[in-house]
PDB file of N, CA and C in Angstrom:
ATOM      1  N   UNK A   1     -99.446 127.987 -15.634  1.00  0.00           N
ATOM      2  CA  UNK A   1    -100.776 127.894 -15.088  1.00  0.00           C
ATOM      3  C   UNK A   1    -100.682 127.896 -13.561  1.00  0.00           C
ATOM      4  N   UNK A   2    -101.334 128.814 -12.963  1.00  0.00           N
ATOM      5  CA  UNK A   2    -101.372 128.892 -11.507  1.00  0.00           C
ATOM      6  C   UNK A   2    -102.615 128.194 -10.987  1.00  0.00           C
ATOM      7  N   UNK A   3    -102.444 127.509  -9.885  1.00  0.00           N
ATOM      8  CA  UNK A   3    -103.582 126.858  -9.245  1.00  0.00           C
ATOM      9  C   UNK A   3    -104.121 127.760  -8.150  1.00  0.00           C
ATOM     10  N   UNK A   4    -105.413 127.883  -8.123  1.00  0.00           N
ATOM     11  CA  UNK A   4    -106.024 128.568  -6.987  1.00  0.00           C
ATOM     12  C   UNK A   4    -106.906 127.555  -6.260  1.00  0.00           C
ATOM     13  N   UNK A   5    -107.483 127.951  -5.180  1.00  0.00           N
ATOM     14  CA  UNK A   5    -108.212 126.982  -4.359  1.00  0.00           C
ATOM     15  C   UNK A   5    -109.444 126.413  -5.052  1.00  0.00           C
ATOM     16  N   UNK A   6    -109.895 127.034  -6.124  1.00  0.00           N
ATOM     17  CA  UNK A   6    -111.067 126.531  -6.839  1.00  0.00           C
ATOM     18  C   UNK A   6    -110.683 125.512  -7.912  1.00  0.00           C
ATOM     19  N   UNK A   7    -109.430 125.513  -8.358  1.00  0.00           N
ATOM     20  CA  UNK A   7    -109.024 124.635  -9.450  1.00  0.00           C
ATOM     21  C   UNK A   7    -107.990 123.597  -9.005  1.00  0.00           C
ATOM     22  N   UNK A   8    -108.006 123.252  -7.749  1.00  0.00           N
ATOM     23  CA  UNK A   8    -107.037 122.301  -7.218  1.00  0.00           C
ATOM     24  C   UNK A   8    -107.540 120.881  -7.474  1.00  0.00           C
ATOM     25  N   UNK A   9    -106.653 119.986  -7.970  1.00  0.00           N
ATOM     26  CA  UNK A   9    -107.073 118.595  -8.164  1.00  0.00           C
ATOM     27  C   UNK A   9    -107.352 117.920  -6.821  1.00  0.00           C
ATOM     28  N   UNK A  10    -108.233 116.955  -6.856  1.00  0.00           N
ATOM     29  CA  UNK A  10    -108.567 116.239  -5.619  1.00  0.00           C
ATOM     30  C   UNK A  10    -107.408 115.334  -5.219  1.00  0.00           C
ATOM     31  N   UNK A  11    -107.462 114.843  -4.000  1.00  0.00           N
ATOM     32  CA  UNK A  11    -106.422 113.932  -3.514  1.00  0.00           C
ATOM     33  C   UNK A  11    -106.387 112.668  -4.364  1.00  0.00           C
ATOM     34  N   UNK A  12    -107.547 112.183  -4.775  1.00  0.00           N
ATOM     35  CA  UNK A  12    -107.595 110.994  -5.632  1.00  0.00           C
ATOM     36  C   UNK A  12    -106.951 111.271  -6.988  1.00  0.00           C
ATOM     37  N   UNK A  13    -107.229 112.449  -7.547  1.00  0.00           N
ATOM     38  CA  UNK A  13    -106.618 112.810  -8.829  1.00  0.00           C
ATOM     39  C   UNK A  13    -105.099 112.870  -8.703  1.00  0.00           C
ATOM     40  N   UNK A  14    -104.621 113.464  -7.621  1.00  0.00           N
ATOM     41  CA  UNK A  14    -103.176 113.553  -7.406  1.00  0.00           C
ATOM     42  C   UNK A  14    -102.556 112.167  -7.247  1.00  0.00           C
ATOM     43  N   UNK A  15    -103.233 111.286  -6.520  1.00  0.00           N
ATOM     44  CA  UNK A  15    -102.733 109.921  -6.335  1.00  0.00           C
ATOM     45  C   UNK A  15    -102.616 109.206  -7.672  1.00  0.00           C
ATOM     46  N   UNK A  16    -103.629 109.343  -8.515  1.00  0.00           N
ATOM     47  CA  UNK A  16    -103.604 108.713  -9.838  1.00  0.00           C
ATOM     48  C   UNK A  16    -102.482 109.305 -10.684  1.00  0.00           C
ATOM     49  N   UNK A  17    -102.321 110.629 -10.651  1.00  0.00           N
ATOM     50  CA  UNK A  17    -101.264 111.274 -11.442  1.00  0.00           C
ATOM     51  C   UNK A  17     -99.882 110.799 -11.005  1.00  0.00           C
ATOM     52  N   UNK A  18     -99.672 110.688  -9.695  1.00  0.00           N
ATOM     53  CA  UNK A  18     -98.376 110.232  -9.186  1.00  0.00           C
ATOM     54  C   UNK A  18     -98.129 108.788  -9.596  1.00  0.00           C
ATOM     55  N   UNK A  19     -99.141 107.931  -9.479  1.00  0.00           N
ATOM     56  CA  UNK A  19     -98.988 106.526  -9.858  1.00  0.00           C
ATOM     57  C   UNK A  19     -98.664 106.405 -11.349  1.00  0.00           C
ATOM     58  N   UNK A  20     -99.361 107.156 -12.187  1.00  0.00           N
ATOM     59  CA  UNK A  20     -99.095 107.119 -13.626  1.00  0.00           C
ATOM     60  C   UNK A  20     -97.684 107.611 -13.939  1.00  0.00           C
ATOM     61  N   UNK A  21     -97.268 108.672 -13.266  1.00  0.00           N
ATOM     62  CA  UNK A  21     -95.924 109.210 -13.499  1.00  0.00           C
ATOM     63  C   UNK A  21     -94.859 108.205 -13.072  1.00  0.00           C
ATOM     64  N   UNK A  22     -95.048 107.559 -11.917  1.00  0.00           N
ATOM     65  CA  UNK A  22     -94.073 106.563 -11.448  1.00  0.00           C
ATOM     66  C   UNK A  22     -93.997 105.384 -12.408  1.00  0.00           C
ATOM     67  N   UNK A  23     -95.147 104.909 -12.881  1.00  0.00           N
ATOM     68  CA  UNK A  23     -95.148 103.794 -13.830  1.00  0.00           C
ATOM     69  C   UNK A  23     -94.457 104.175 -15.129  1.00  0.00           C
ATOM     70  N   UNK A  24     -94.740 105.374 -15.623  1.00  0.00           N
ATOM     71  CA  UNK A  24     -94.122 105.838 -16.872  1.00  0.00           C
ATOM     72  C   UNK A  24     -92.614 105.963 -16.703  1.00  0.00           C
ATOM     73  N   UNK A  25     -92.175 106.549 -15.586  1.00  0.00           N
ATOM     74  CA  UNK A  25     -90.740 106.697 -15.347  1.00  0.00           C
ATOM     75  C   UNK A  25     -90.080 105.332 -15.200  1.00  0.00           C
ATOM     76  N   UNK A  26     -90.737 104.405 -14.518  1.00  0.00           N
ATOM     77  CA  UNK A  26     -90.192 103.058 -14.362  1.00  0.00           C
ATOM     78  C   UNK A  26     -90.053 102.351 -15.697  1.00  0.00           C
ATOM     79  N   UNK A  27     -91.075 102.469 -16.540  1.00  0.00           N
ATOM     80  CA  UNK A  27     -91.018 101.840 -17.863  1.00  0.00           C
ATOM     81  C   UNK A  27     -89.949 102.472 -18.733  1.00  0.00           C
ATOM     82  N   UNK A  28     -89.823 103.791 -18.676  1.00  0.00           N
ATOM     83  CA  UNK A  28     -88.777 104.471 -19.451  1.00  0.00           C
ATOM     84  C   UNK A  28     -87.395 104.051 -18.974  1.00  0.00           C
ATOM     85  N   UNK A  29     -87.221 103.926 -17.656  1.00  0.00           N
ATOM     86  CA  UNK A  29     -85.920 103.534 -17.120  1.00  0.00           C
ATOM     87  C   UNK A  29     -85.570 102.113 -17.537  1.00  0.00           C
ATOM     88  N   UNK A  30     -86.567 101.222 -17.581  1.00  0.00           N
ATOM     89  CA  UNK A  30     -86.304  99.835 -17.980  1.00  0.00           C
ATOM     90  C   UNK A  30     -85.854  99.738 -19.435  1.00  0.00           C
ATOM     91  N   UNK A  31     -86.143 100.758 -20.236  1.00  0.00           N
ATOM     92  CA  UNK A  31     -85.633 100.766 -21.612  1.00  0.00           C
ATOM     93  C   UNK A  31     -84.122 100.949 -21.610  1.00  0.00           C
ATOM     94  N   UNK A  32     -83.603 101.614 -20.575  1.00  0.00           N
ATOM     95  CA  UNK A  32     -82.171 101.857 -20.457  1.00  0.00           C
ATOM     96  C   UNK A  32     -81.500 100.755 -19.646  1.00  0.00           C
ATOM     97  N   UNK A  33     -82.086 100.397 -18.510  1.00  0.00           N
ATOM     98  CA  UNK A  33     -81.504  99.373 -17.639  1.00  0.00           C
ATOM     99  C   UNK A  33     -82.615  98.507 -17.081  1.00  0.00           C
ATOM    100  N   UNK A  34     -82.600  97.243 -17.454  1.00  0.00           N
ATOM    101  CA  UNK A  34     -83.586  96.307 -16.942  1.00  0.00           C
ATOM    102  C   UNK A  34     -82.850  95.135 -16.315  1.00  0.00           C
ATOM    103  N   UNK A  35     -82.813  95.068 -14.986  1.00  0.00           N
ATOM    104  CA  UNK A  35     -82.064  93.992 -14.332  1.00  0.00           C
ATOM    105  C   UNK A  35     -82.606  92.600 -14.649  1.00  0.00           C
ATOM    106  N   UNK A  36     -83.835  92.508 -15.133  1.00  0.00           N
ATOM    107  CA  UNK A  36     -84.400  91.208 -15.491  1.00  0.00           C
ATOM    108  C   UNK A  36     -83.827  90.694 -16.807  1.00  0.00           C
ATOM    109  N   UNK A  37     -83.308  91.575 -17.633  1.00  0.00           N
ATOM    110  CA  UNK A  37     -82.720  91.191 -18.919  1.00  0.00           C
ATOM    111  C   UNK A  37     -81.248  91.573 -18.900  1.00  0.00           C
ATOM    112  N   UNK A  38     -80.437  90.687 -18.369  1.00  0.00           N
ATOM    113  CA  UNK A  38     -79.007  90.981 -18.248  1.00  0.00           C
ATOM    114  C   UNK A  38     -78.295  90.714 -19.561  1.00  0.00           C
ATOM    115  N   UNK A  39     -77.368  91.596 -19.883  1.00  0.00           N
ATOM    116  CA  UNK A  39     -76.544  91.460 -21.082  1.00  0.00           C
ATOM    117  C   UNK A  39     -75.099  91.705 -20.703  1.00  0.00           C
ATOM    118  N   UNK A  40     -74.227  90.962 -21.305  1.00  0.00           N
ATOM    119  CA  UNK A  40     -72.805  91.245 -21.184  1.00  0.00           C
ATOM    120  C   UNK A  40     -72.391  91.870 -22.512  1.00  0.00           C
ATOM    121  N   UNK A  41     -72.484  93.188 -22.569  1.00  0.00           N
ATOM    122  CA  UNK A  41     -72.233  93.892 -23.822  1.00  0.00           C
ATOM    123  C   UNK A  41     -70.792  93.732 -24.286  1.00  0.00           C
ATOM    124  N   UNK A  42     -69.853  93.634 -23.336  1.00  0.00           N
ATOM    125  CA  UNK A  42     -68.457  93.455 -23.716  1.00  0.00           C
ATOM    126  C   UNK A  42     -68.276  92.133 -24.454  1.00  0.00           C
ATOM    127  N   UNK A  43     -68.896  91.075 -23.940  1.00  0.00           N
ATOM    128  CA  UNK A  43     -68.777  89.768 -24.591  1.00  0.00           C
ATOM    129  C   UNK A  43     -69.501  89.766 -25.933  1.00  0.00           C
ATOM    130  N   UNK A  44     -70.674  90.395 -25.990  1.00  0.00           N
ATOM    131  CA  UNK A  44     -71.432  90.443 -27.240  1.00  0.00           C
ATOM    132  C   UNK A  44     -70.664  91.170 -28.332  1.00  0.00           C
ATOM    133  N   UNK A  45     -69.946  92.203 -27.956  1.00  0.00           N
ATOM    134  CA  UNK A  45     -69.187  92.988 -28.932  1.00  0.00           C
ATOM    135  C   UNK A  45     -67.799  92.416 -29.171  1.00  0.00           C
ATOM    136  N   UNK A  46     -67.432  91.385 -28.424  1.00  0.00           N
ATOM    137  CA  UNK A  46     -66.107  90.792 -28.581  1.00  0.00           C
ATOM    138  C   UNK A  46     -64.998  91.692 -28.079  1.00  0.00           C
ATOM    139  N   UNK A  47     -65.283  92.461 -27.034  1.00  0.00           N
ATOM    140  CA  UNK A  47     -64.307  93.420 -26.527  1.00  0.00           C
ATOM    141  C   UNK A  47     -63.274  92.782 -25.608  1.00  0.00           C
ATOM    142  N   UNK A  48     -63.517  91.579 -25.134  1.00  0.00           N
ATOM    143  CA  UNK A  48     -62.510  90.894 -24.332  1.00  0.00           C
ATOM    144  C   UNK A  48     -62.636  89.392 -24.545  1.00  0.00           C
ATOM    145  N   UNK A  49     -61.549  88.729 -24.279  1.00  0.00           N
ATOM    146  CA  UNK A  49     -61.496  87.272 -24.400  1.00  0.00           C
ATOM    147  C   UNK A  49     -61.681  86.681 -23.007  1.00  0.00           C
ATOM    148  N   UNK A  50     -62.741  85.910 -22.780  1.00  0.00           N
ATOM    149  CA  UNK A  50     -62.983  85.354 -21.442  1.00  0.00           C
ATOM    150  C   UNK A  50     -61.815  84.528 -20.911  1.00  0.00           C
ATOM    151  N   UNK A  51     -61.068  83.880 -21.784  1.00  0.00           N
ATOM    152  CA  UNK A  51     -59.929  83.090 -21.306  1.00  0.00           C
ATOM    153  C   UNK A  51     -58.843  83.998 -20.730  1.00  0.00           C
ATOM    154  N   UNK A  52     -58.691  85.214 -21.282  1.00  0.00           N
ATOM    155  CA  UNK A  52     -57.723  86.170 -20.734  1.00  0.00           C
ATOM    156  C   UNK A  52     -58.163  86.644 -19.353  1.00  0.00           C
ATOM    157  N   UNK A  53     -59.451  86.841 -19.183  1.00  0.00           N
ATOM    158  CA  UNK A  53     -59.975  87.262 -17.880  1.00  0.00           C
ATOM    159  C   UNK A  53     -59.731  86.167 -16.851  1.00  0.00           C
ATOM    160  N   UNK A  54     -59.998  84.926 -17.219  1.00  0.00           N
ATOM    161  CA  UNK A  54     -59.776  83.807 -16.304  1.00  0.00           C
ATOM    162  C   UNK A  54     -58.298  83.678 -15.960  1.00  0.00           C
ATOM    163  N   UNK A  55     -57.431  83.839 -16.949  1.00  0.00           N
ATOM    164  CA  UNK A  55     -55.986  83.749 -16.713  1.00  0.00           C
ATOM    165  C   UNK A  55     -55.520  84.850 -15.761  1.00  0.00           C
ATOM    166  N   UNK A  56     -56.010  86.073 -15.955  1.00  0.00           N
ATOM    167  CA  UNK A  56     -55.630  87.182 -15.080  1.00  0.00           C
ATOM    168  C   UNK A  56     -56.105  86.925 -13.650  1.00  0.00           C
ATOM    169  N   UNK A  57     -57.301  86.397 -13.511  1.00  0.00           N
ATOM    170  CA  UNK A  57     -57.824  86.096 -12.176  1.00  0.00           C
ATOM    171  C   UNK A  57     -56.987  85.009 -11.505  1.00  0.00           C
ATOM    172  N   UNK A  58     -56.634  83.981 -12.253  1.00  0.00           N
ATOM    173  CA  UNK A  58     -55.803  82.907 -11.693  1.00  0.00           C
ATOM    174  C   UNK A  58     -54.432  83.428 -11.267  1.00  0.00           C
ATOM    175  N   UNK A  59     -53.848  84.327 -12.063  1.00  0.00           N
ATOM    176  CA  UNK A  59     -52.559  84.923 -11.693  1.00  0.00           C
ATOM    177  C   UNK A  59     -52.697  85.750 -10.423  1.00  0.00           C
ATOM    178  N   UNK A  60     -53.785  86.466 -10.295  1.00  0.00           N
ATOM    179  CA  UNK A  60     -54.048  87.252  -9.089  1.00  0.00           C
ATOM    180  C   UNK A  60     -54.133  86.332  -7.870  1.00  0.00           C
ATOM    181  N   UNK A  61     -54.901  85.251  -7.992  1.00  0.00           N
ATOM    182  CA  UNK A  61     -55.022  84.321  -6.864  1.00  0.00           C
ATOM    183  C   UNK A  61     -53.680  83.704  -6.496  1.00  0.00           C
ATOM    184  N   UNK A  62     -52.887  83.344  -7.492  1.00  0.00           N
ATOM    185  CA  UNK A  62     -51.559  82.784  -7.215  1.00  0.00           C
ATOM    186  C   UNK A  62     -50.688  83.788  -6.468  1.00  0.00           C
ATOM    187  N   UNK A  63     -50.748  85.065  -6.880  1.00  0.00           N
ATOM    188  CA  UNK A  63     -49.952  86.106  -6.228  1.00  0.00           C
ATOM    189  C   UNK A  63     -50.401  86.308  -4.786  1.00  0.00           C
ATOM    190  N   UNK A  64     -51.703  86.263  -4.555  1.00  0.00           N
ATOM    191  CA  UNK A  64     -52.224  86.434  -3.195  1.00  0.00           C
ATOM    192  C   UNK A  64     -51.787  85.266  -2.320  1.00  0.00           C
ATOM    193  N   UNK A  65     -51.908  84.074  -2.849  1.00  0.00           N
ATOM    194  CA  UNK A  65     -51.546  82.881  -2.064  1.00  0.00           C
ATOM    195  C   UNK A  65     -50.053  82.826  -1.753  1.00  0.00           C
ATOM    196  N   UNK A  66     -49.242  83.333  -2.672  1.00  0.00           N
ATOM    197  CA  UNK A  66     -47.791  83.280  -2.452  1.00  0.00           C
ATOM    198  C   UNK A  66     -47.289  84.469  -1.638  1.00  0.00           C
ATOM    199  N   UNK A  67     -48.155  85.436  -1.359  1.00  0.00           N
ATOM    200  CA  UNK A  67     -47.758  86.586  -0.564  1.00  0.00           C
ATOM    201  C   UNK A  67     -47.193  87.729  -1.380  1.00  0.00           C
ATOM    202  N   UNK A  68     -47.205  87.619  -2.704  1.00  0.00           N
ATOM    203  CA  UNK A  68     -46.688  88.695  -3.550  1.00  0.00           C
ATOM    204  C   UNK A  68     -47.629  89.890  -3.590  1.00  0.00           C
ATOM    205  N   UNK A  69     -48.894  89.659  -3.316  1.00  0.00           N
ATOM    206  CA  UNK A  69     -49.889  90.718  -3.394  1.00  0.00           C
ATOM    207  C   UNK A  69     -50.628  90.794  -2.073  1.00  0.00           C
ATOM    208  N   UNK A  70     -50.887  92.004  -1.612  1.00  0.00           N
ATOM    209  CA  UNK A  70     -51.643  92.194  -0.376  1.00  0.00           C
ATOM    210  C   UNK A  70     -53.118  92.213  -0.744  1.00  0.00           C
ATOM    211  N   UNK A  71     -53.883  91.419  -0.047  1.00  0.00           N
ATOM    212  CA  UNK A  71     -55.305  91.341  -0.350  1.00  0.00           C
ATOM    213  C   UNK A  71     -56.069  90.984   0.905  1.00  0.00           C
ATOM    214  N   UNK A  72     -57.359  91.164   0.844  1.00  0.00           N
ATOM    215  CA  UNK A  72     -58.197  90.779   1.978  1.00  0.00           C
ATOM    216  C   UNK A  72     -58.482  89.284   1.957  1.00  0.00           C
ATOM    217  N   UNK A  73     -58.106  88.594   0.877  1.00  0.00           N
ATOM    218  CA  UNK A  73     -58.283  87.140   0.833  1.00  0.00           C
ATOM    219  C   UNK A  73     -57.222  86.476   1.684  1.00  0.00           C
ATOM    220  N   UNK A  74     -57.613  85.651   2.582  1.00  0.00           N
ATOM    221  CA  UNK A  74     -56.668  84.912   3.434  1.00  0.00           C
ATOM    222  C   UNK A  74     -56.978  83.439   3.392  1.00  0.00           C
TER     223      UNK A  74
END
């Protein structure tokens, strides 16, 4: 459909269309990623053991403190 100067939507119509499109896109995106509803999918699925993560982090800190690992932590 081609628009000619007689069938052009008004500025108000365009503003409403843009607002509706932005709201629809925002709502659709929130179905995929909603920062207000955080999930730890790895923990929910049992893909890692939190105690192993804590142990690895503690080993990293020990290595940094002893000078075995180069890090920005000082």
